Amino acid sequence: MSTAAKLEDVDPRSQLHTTVYAVSFSPCGQYLAAGNNFGKIALYSISSALSDDATSENWRPFYVFKAHDGPIYSLESTDIFLVTAGTSDVLGWRWKEVIDKAAKVAWSLSIPRGDSFECPETNALAVTKSTVNQGVIYAGCGDNTIYGWELETGNCVTVFKGHKDYIHCLSLKHSSGELISGSEDGTVRIWDQRTPEEHVQMFEPHKHEVSATNPLQEVKYTSQ
């Protein structure tokens, strides 16, 4: 789709059935990427869209490109790369090239297929922050497993197993190195990145609908 493409030029069926599964800001915070069920990524200028004199033209993406053949379920951002994932490999795109409207794949990470010939879908991504290298990227997948790769080498360095169904979300606590995952099996699990053999804690929200006492409820917060 060209920069001048109009919404009315898009297939009406695509307009009606488009679902945005994932969004991510650029490292500079000036751009927004949105990935949809057709494998396309639309890039928006935040400053243009939010300016006082913005028009409908400023609300359109200034660049759209085909990133995957299937749906894009997750987007993540590092200082250098926009990372995309869905029903195929995890792909890395240089933000500079995306913003320059010349996106091309910088690297790809293959999800292990195990006993299946099909690539398990990736529903969630999370990236560690590191001052010594590019960090580690984690992918929560449809084979109930979380995989971790070093971005600098592309090597798969860790695998977390334990969930009994699709993994739908990931979150990192950067200060302590804990990885949190949520799954279709109804559980939330906390993992120590250094010891992936077994989760360090598991929560089952559906089994505890009556809330326990909050140990922090007596803490008083005051405005500064």
Protein backbone atom coordinates (compact mmCIF):
# COMPACT_ATOMS: atom_id res chain seq x y z
CA MET A 1 0.00 0.00 0.00
CA SER A 2 1.46 3.34 -1.00
CA THR A 3 1.65 6.38 1.23
CA ALA A 4 -1.19 7.96 -0.66
CA ALA A 5 -3.44 4.91 -0.44
CA LYS A 6 -6.97 5.68 0.68
CA LEU A 7 -9.09 3.56 3.00
CA GLU A 8 -11.72 3.24 0.27
CA ASP A 9 -9.11 1.62 -1.98
CA VAL A 10 -8.76 -1.31 0.42
CA ASP A 11 -10.74 -4.50 -0.16
CA PRO A 12 -14.09 -3.93 1.65
CA ARG A 13 -13.87 -7.43 3.12
CA SER A 14 -10.54 -6.53 4.70
CA GLN A 15 -12.06 -3.40 6.22
CA LEU A 16 -14.89 -5.43 7.71
CA HIS A 17 -12.87 -8.34 9.04
CA THR A 18 -9.56 -6.77 10.05
CA THR A 19 -8.43 -7.51 13.60
CA VAL A 20 -5.45 -5.80 15.22
CA TYR A 21 -3.77 -8.33 17.52
CA ALA A 22 -0.61 -6.44 18.47
CA VAL A 23 0.81 -2.92 18.75
CA SER A 24 4.20 -1.49 19.68
CA PHE A 25 5.86 1.91 19.98
CA SER A 26 9.17 2.61 18.30
CA PRO A 27 12.17 3.12 20.64
CA CYS A 28 11.97 6.88 20.13
CA GLY A 29 8.27 6.89 20.93
CA GLN A 30 7.38 8.82 17.77
CA TYR A 31 5.90 5.93 15.81
CA LEU A 32 3.29 3.25 16.39
CA ALA A 33 3.25 -0.14 14.66
CA ALA A 34 0.04 -2.18 14.47
CA GLY A 35 -0.06 -5.80 13.26
CA ASN A 36 -3.24 -7.41 11.95
CA ASN A 37 -4.77 -10.76 11.05
CA PHE A 38 -3.70 -10.40 7.41
CA GLY A 39 0.00 -10.33 8.35
CA LYS A 40 0.36 -6.62 7.61
CA ILE A 41 1.98 -3.94 9.74
CA ALA A 42 0.76 -0.35 9.58
CA LEU A 43 3.07 2.42 10.76
CA TYR A 44 1.72 5.68 12.16
CA SER A 45 3.36 8.96 13.09
CA ILE A 46 2.22 9.75 16.64
CA SER A 47 3.24 13.43 16.48
CA SER A 48 1.29 13.94 13.25
CA ALA A 49 -1.79 12.12 14.48
CA LEU A 50 -1.89 14.03 17.78
CA SER A 51 -1.01 17.49 16.49
CA ASP A 52 -3.54 20.28 17.05
CA ASP A 53 -4.07 20.77 13.33
CA ALA A 54 -4.23 17.04 12.46
CA THR A 55 -6.61 16.00 9.69
CA SER A 56 -7.94 12.62 8.64
CA GLU A 57 -4.88 12.32 6.40
CA ASN A 58 -2.62 12.44 9.49
CA TRP A 59 -4.54 9.54 11.01
CA ARG A 60 -3.68 7.24 8.15
CA PRO A 61 -0.59 4.99 8.25
CA PHE A 62 2.29 6.47 6.29
CA TYR A 63 3.63 2.99 5.56
CA VAL A 64 2.07 -0.49 5.37
CA PHE A 65 4.00 -3.65 4.59
CA LYS A 66 3.39 -7.38 4.49
CA ALA A 67 5.41 -8.99 7.29
CA HIS A 68 3.88 -12.49 7.60
CA ASP A 69 1.74 -14.77 5.45
CA GLY A 70 -0.58 -15.37 8.40
CA PRO A 71 -1.84 -13.32 11.35
CA ILE A 72 0.55 -11.27 13.48
CA TYR A 73 -0.21 -12.08 17.10
CA SER A 74 2.61 -10.25 18.85
CA LEU A 75 4.93 -7.27 18.43
CA GLU A 76 7.88 -6.24 20.58
CA SER A 77 10.44 -3.49 20.27
CA THR A 78 14.12 -3.23 21.13
CA ASP A 79 16.42 -0.25 20.68
CA ILE A 80 17.19 -1.49 17.17
CA PHE A 81 14.52 -3.94 16.03
CA LEU A 82 10.78 -4.31 15.63
CA VAL A 83 10.10 -7.97 16.43
CA THR A 84 7.05 -9.67 14.91
CA ALA A 85 5.52 -13.09 15.46
CA GLY A 86 2.45 -15.09 14.50
CA THR A 87 1.99 -18.43 12.80
CA SER A 88 5.53 -18.70 11.43
CA ASP A 89 9.06 -17.71 12.43
CA VAL A 90 9.81 -14.82 14.76
CA LEU A 91 11.14 -12.00 12.55
CA GLY A 92 13.29 -8.97 13.27
CA TRP A 93 13.06 -5.73 11.27
CA ARG A 94 15.37 -2.76 11.71
CA TRP A 95 13.35 0.19 12.95
CA LYS A 96 15.36 2.59 10.80
CA GLU A 97 14.44 0.69 7.63
CA VAL A 98 10.80 0.41 8.67
CA ILE A 99 10.58 4.16 9.30
CA ASP A 100 12.35 4.81 5.98
CA LYS A 101 9.62 2.69 4.30
CA ALA A 102 12.15 0.08 3.18
CA ALA A 103 11.40 -2.78 5.55
CA LYS A 104 13.19 -6.07 5.01
CA VAL A 105 13.80 -9.00 7.32
CA ALA A 106 17.02 -8.54 9.31
CA TRP A 107 16.89 -11.95 11.00
CA SER A 108 14.53 -14.82 11.75
CA LEU A 109 14.18 -17.31 14.60
CA SER A 110 12.56 -20.67 13.94
CA ILE A 111 10.21 -22.16 16.53
CA PRO A 112 11.13 -25.82 17.13
CA ARG A 113 8.45 -28.05 15.62
CA GLY A 114 8.89 -31.10 17.86
CA ASP A 115 6.72 -33.99 16.69
CA SER A 116 4.56 -31.73 14.56
CA PHE A 117 5.32 -30.61 11.03
CA GLU A 118 3.49 -27.34 11.63
CA CYS A 119 5.11 -24.34 13.24
CA PRO A 120 3.37 -23.56 16.55
CA GLU A 121 1.92 -20.07 16.68
CA THR A 122 3.58 -17.42 18.82
CA ASN A 123 1.08 -15.48 20.90
CA ALA A 124 3.41 -13.44 23.09
CA LEU A 125 6.90 -11.91 23.06
CA ALA A 126 9.05 -10.37 25.78
CA VAL A 127 12.57 -8.92 25.55
CA THR A 128 15.08 -8.51 28.36
CA LYS A 129 17.08 -5.33 28.81
CA SER A 130 20.85 -5.65 28.82
CA THR A 131 23.76 -3.21 28.94
CA VAL A 132 26.29 -5.75 27.65
CA ASN A 133 24.44 -7.28 24.67
CA GLN A 134 21.17 -7.09 22.77
CA GLY A 135 19.37 -9.17 25.38
CA VAL A 136 17.19 -12.27 25.19
CA ILE A 137 13.84 -12.55 23.45
CA TYR A 138 11.21 -14.94 24.77
CA ALA A 139 8.34 -16.37 22.73
CA GLY A 140 5.25 -17.92 24.32
CA CYS A 141 3.93 -20.49 21.88
CA GLY A 142 0.99 -22.70 20.98
CA ASP A 143 2.93 -25.84 21.88
CA ASN A 144 2.67 -24.82 25.58
CA THR A 145 6.34 -23.85 25.66
CA ILE A 146 8.38 -20.67 26.09
CA TYR A 147 11.57 -20.37 24.05
CA GLY A 148 14.39 -17.89 24.65
CA TRP A 149 17.02 -16.75 22.13
CA GLU A 150 20.04 -14.51 22.49
CA LEU A 151 19.43 -11.67 20.06
CA GLU A 152 23.15 -11.18 19.52
CA THR A 153 23.82 -14.77 18.40
CA GLY A 154 20.37 -16.10 17.45
CA ASN A 155 20.99 -19.16 19.62
CA CYS A 156 18.12 -20.74 21.52
CA VAL A 157 19.50 -20.66 25.06
CA THR A 158 16.57 -21.62 27.24
CA VAL A 159 13.26 -23.50 27.16
CA PHE A 160 10.50 -23.29 29.77
CA LYS A 161 8.08 -26.22 29.96
CA GLY A 162 5.19 -26.78 32.34
CA HIS A 163 2.06 -25.22 30.89
CA LYS A 164 -0.61 -27.64 29.71
CA ASP A 165 -2.12 -25.45 26.99
CA TYR A 166 -1.46 -22.48 24.71
CA ILE A 167 0.58 -19.63 26.21
CA HIS A 168 -1.10 -16.29 25.60
CA CYS A 169 0.91 -13.67 27.48
CA LEU A 170 4.38 -12.95 28.86
CA SER A 171 5.79 -10.25 31.10
CA LEU A 172 9.27 -9.60 32.44
CA LYS A 173 10.30 -8.14 35.78
CA HIS A 174 13.63 -6.71 34.68
CA SER A 175 14.90 -5.87 38.14
CA SER A 176 14.76 -9.47 39.41
CA GLY A 177 15.01 -11.52 36.22
CA GLU A 178 11.60 -13.14 36.65
CA LEU A 179 9.48 -14.13 33.65
CA ILE A 180 5.71 -14.40 34.06
CA SER A 181 3.50 -16.40 31.71
CA GLY A 182 -0.26 -16.85 31.37
CA SER A 183 -1.85 -19.79 29.60
CA GLU A 184 -5.09 -21.26 28.34
CA ASP A 185 -4.64 -23.88 31.06
CA GLY A 186 -5.85 -21.24 33.51
CA THR A 187 -2.55 -20.76 35.29
CA VAL A 188 -0.06 -17.95 35.78
CA ARG A 189 3.50 -19.13 36.29
CA ILE A 190 6.61 -17.31 37.49
CA TRP A 191 9.96 -18.48 36.14
CA ASP A 192 13.52 -17.64 37.10
CA GLN A 193 15.40 -17.03 33.85
CA ARG A 194 18.49 -18.66 35.38
CA THR A 195 16.69 -21.93 36.25
CA PRO A 196 14.17 -22.74 33.53
CA GLU A 197 13.72 -26.37 34.55
CA GLU A 198 10.65 -25.60 36.69
CA HIS A 199 8.52 -22.60 37.57
CA VAL A 200 9.16 -21.05 40.97
CA GLN A 201 5.49 -20.32 41.62
CA MET A 202 2.10 -21.03 40.06
CA PHE A 203 -1.20 -19.20 40.53
CA GLU A 204 -4.64 -20.53 39.58
CA PRO A 205 -7.03 -17.56 39.62
CA HIS A 206 -10.08 -19.66 38.72
CA LYS A 207 -9.72 -21.70 41.92
CA HIS A 208 -9.63 -18.72 44.24
CA GLU A 209 -12.50 -16.40 43.43
CA VAL A 210 -12.68 -15.24 47.06
CA SER A 211 -9.84 -12.81 47.61
CA ALA A 212 -7.26 -13.37 50.31
CA THR A 213 -6.05 -10.63 52.62
CA ASN A 214 -3.66 -8.29 50.85
CA PRO A 215 -0.43 -8.18 52.90
CA LEU A 216 0.25 -4.70 51.53
CA GLN A 217 -3.17 -3.25 52.30
CA GLU A 218 -1.92 -1.48 55.41
CA VAL A 219 0.79 0.33 53.46
CA LYS A 220 0.05 4.03 53.35
CA TYR A 221 0.78 5.95 50.18
CA THR A 222 1.25 9.69 50.22
CA SER A 223 1.58 12.06 47.30
CA GLN A 224 4.95 13.69 46.82
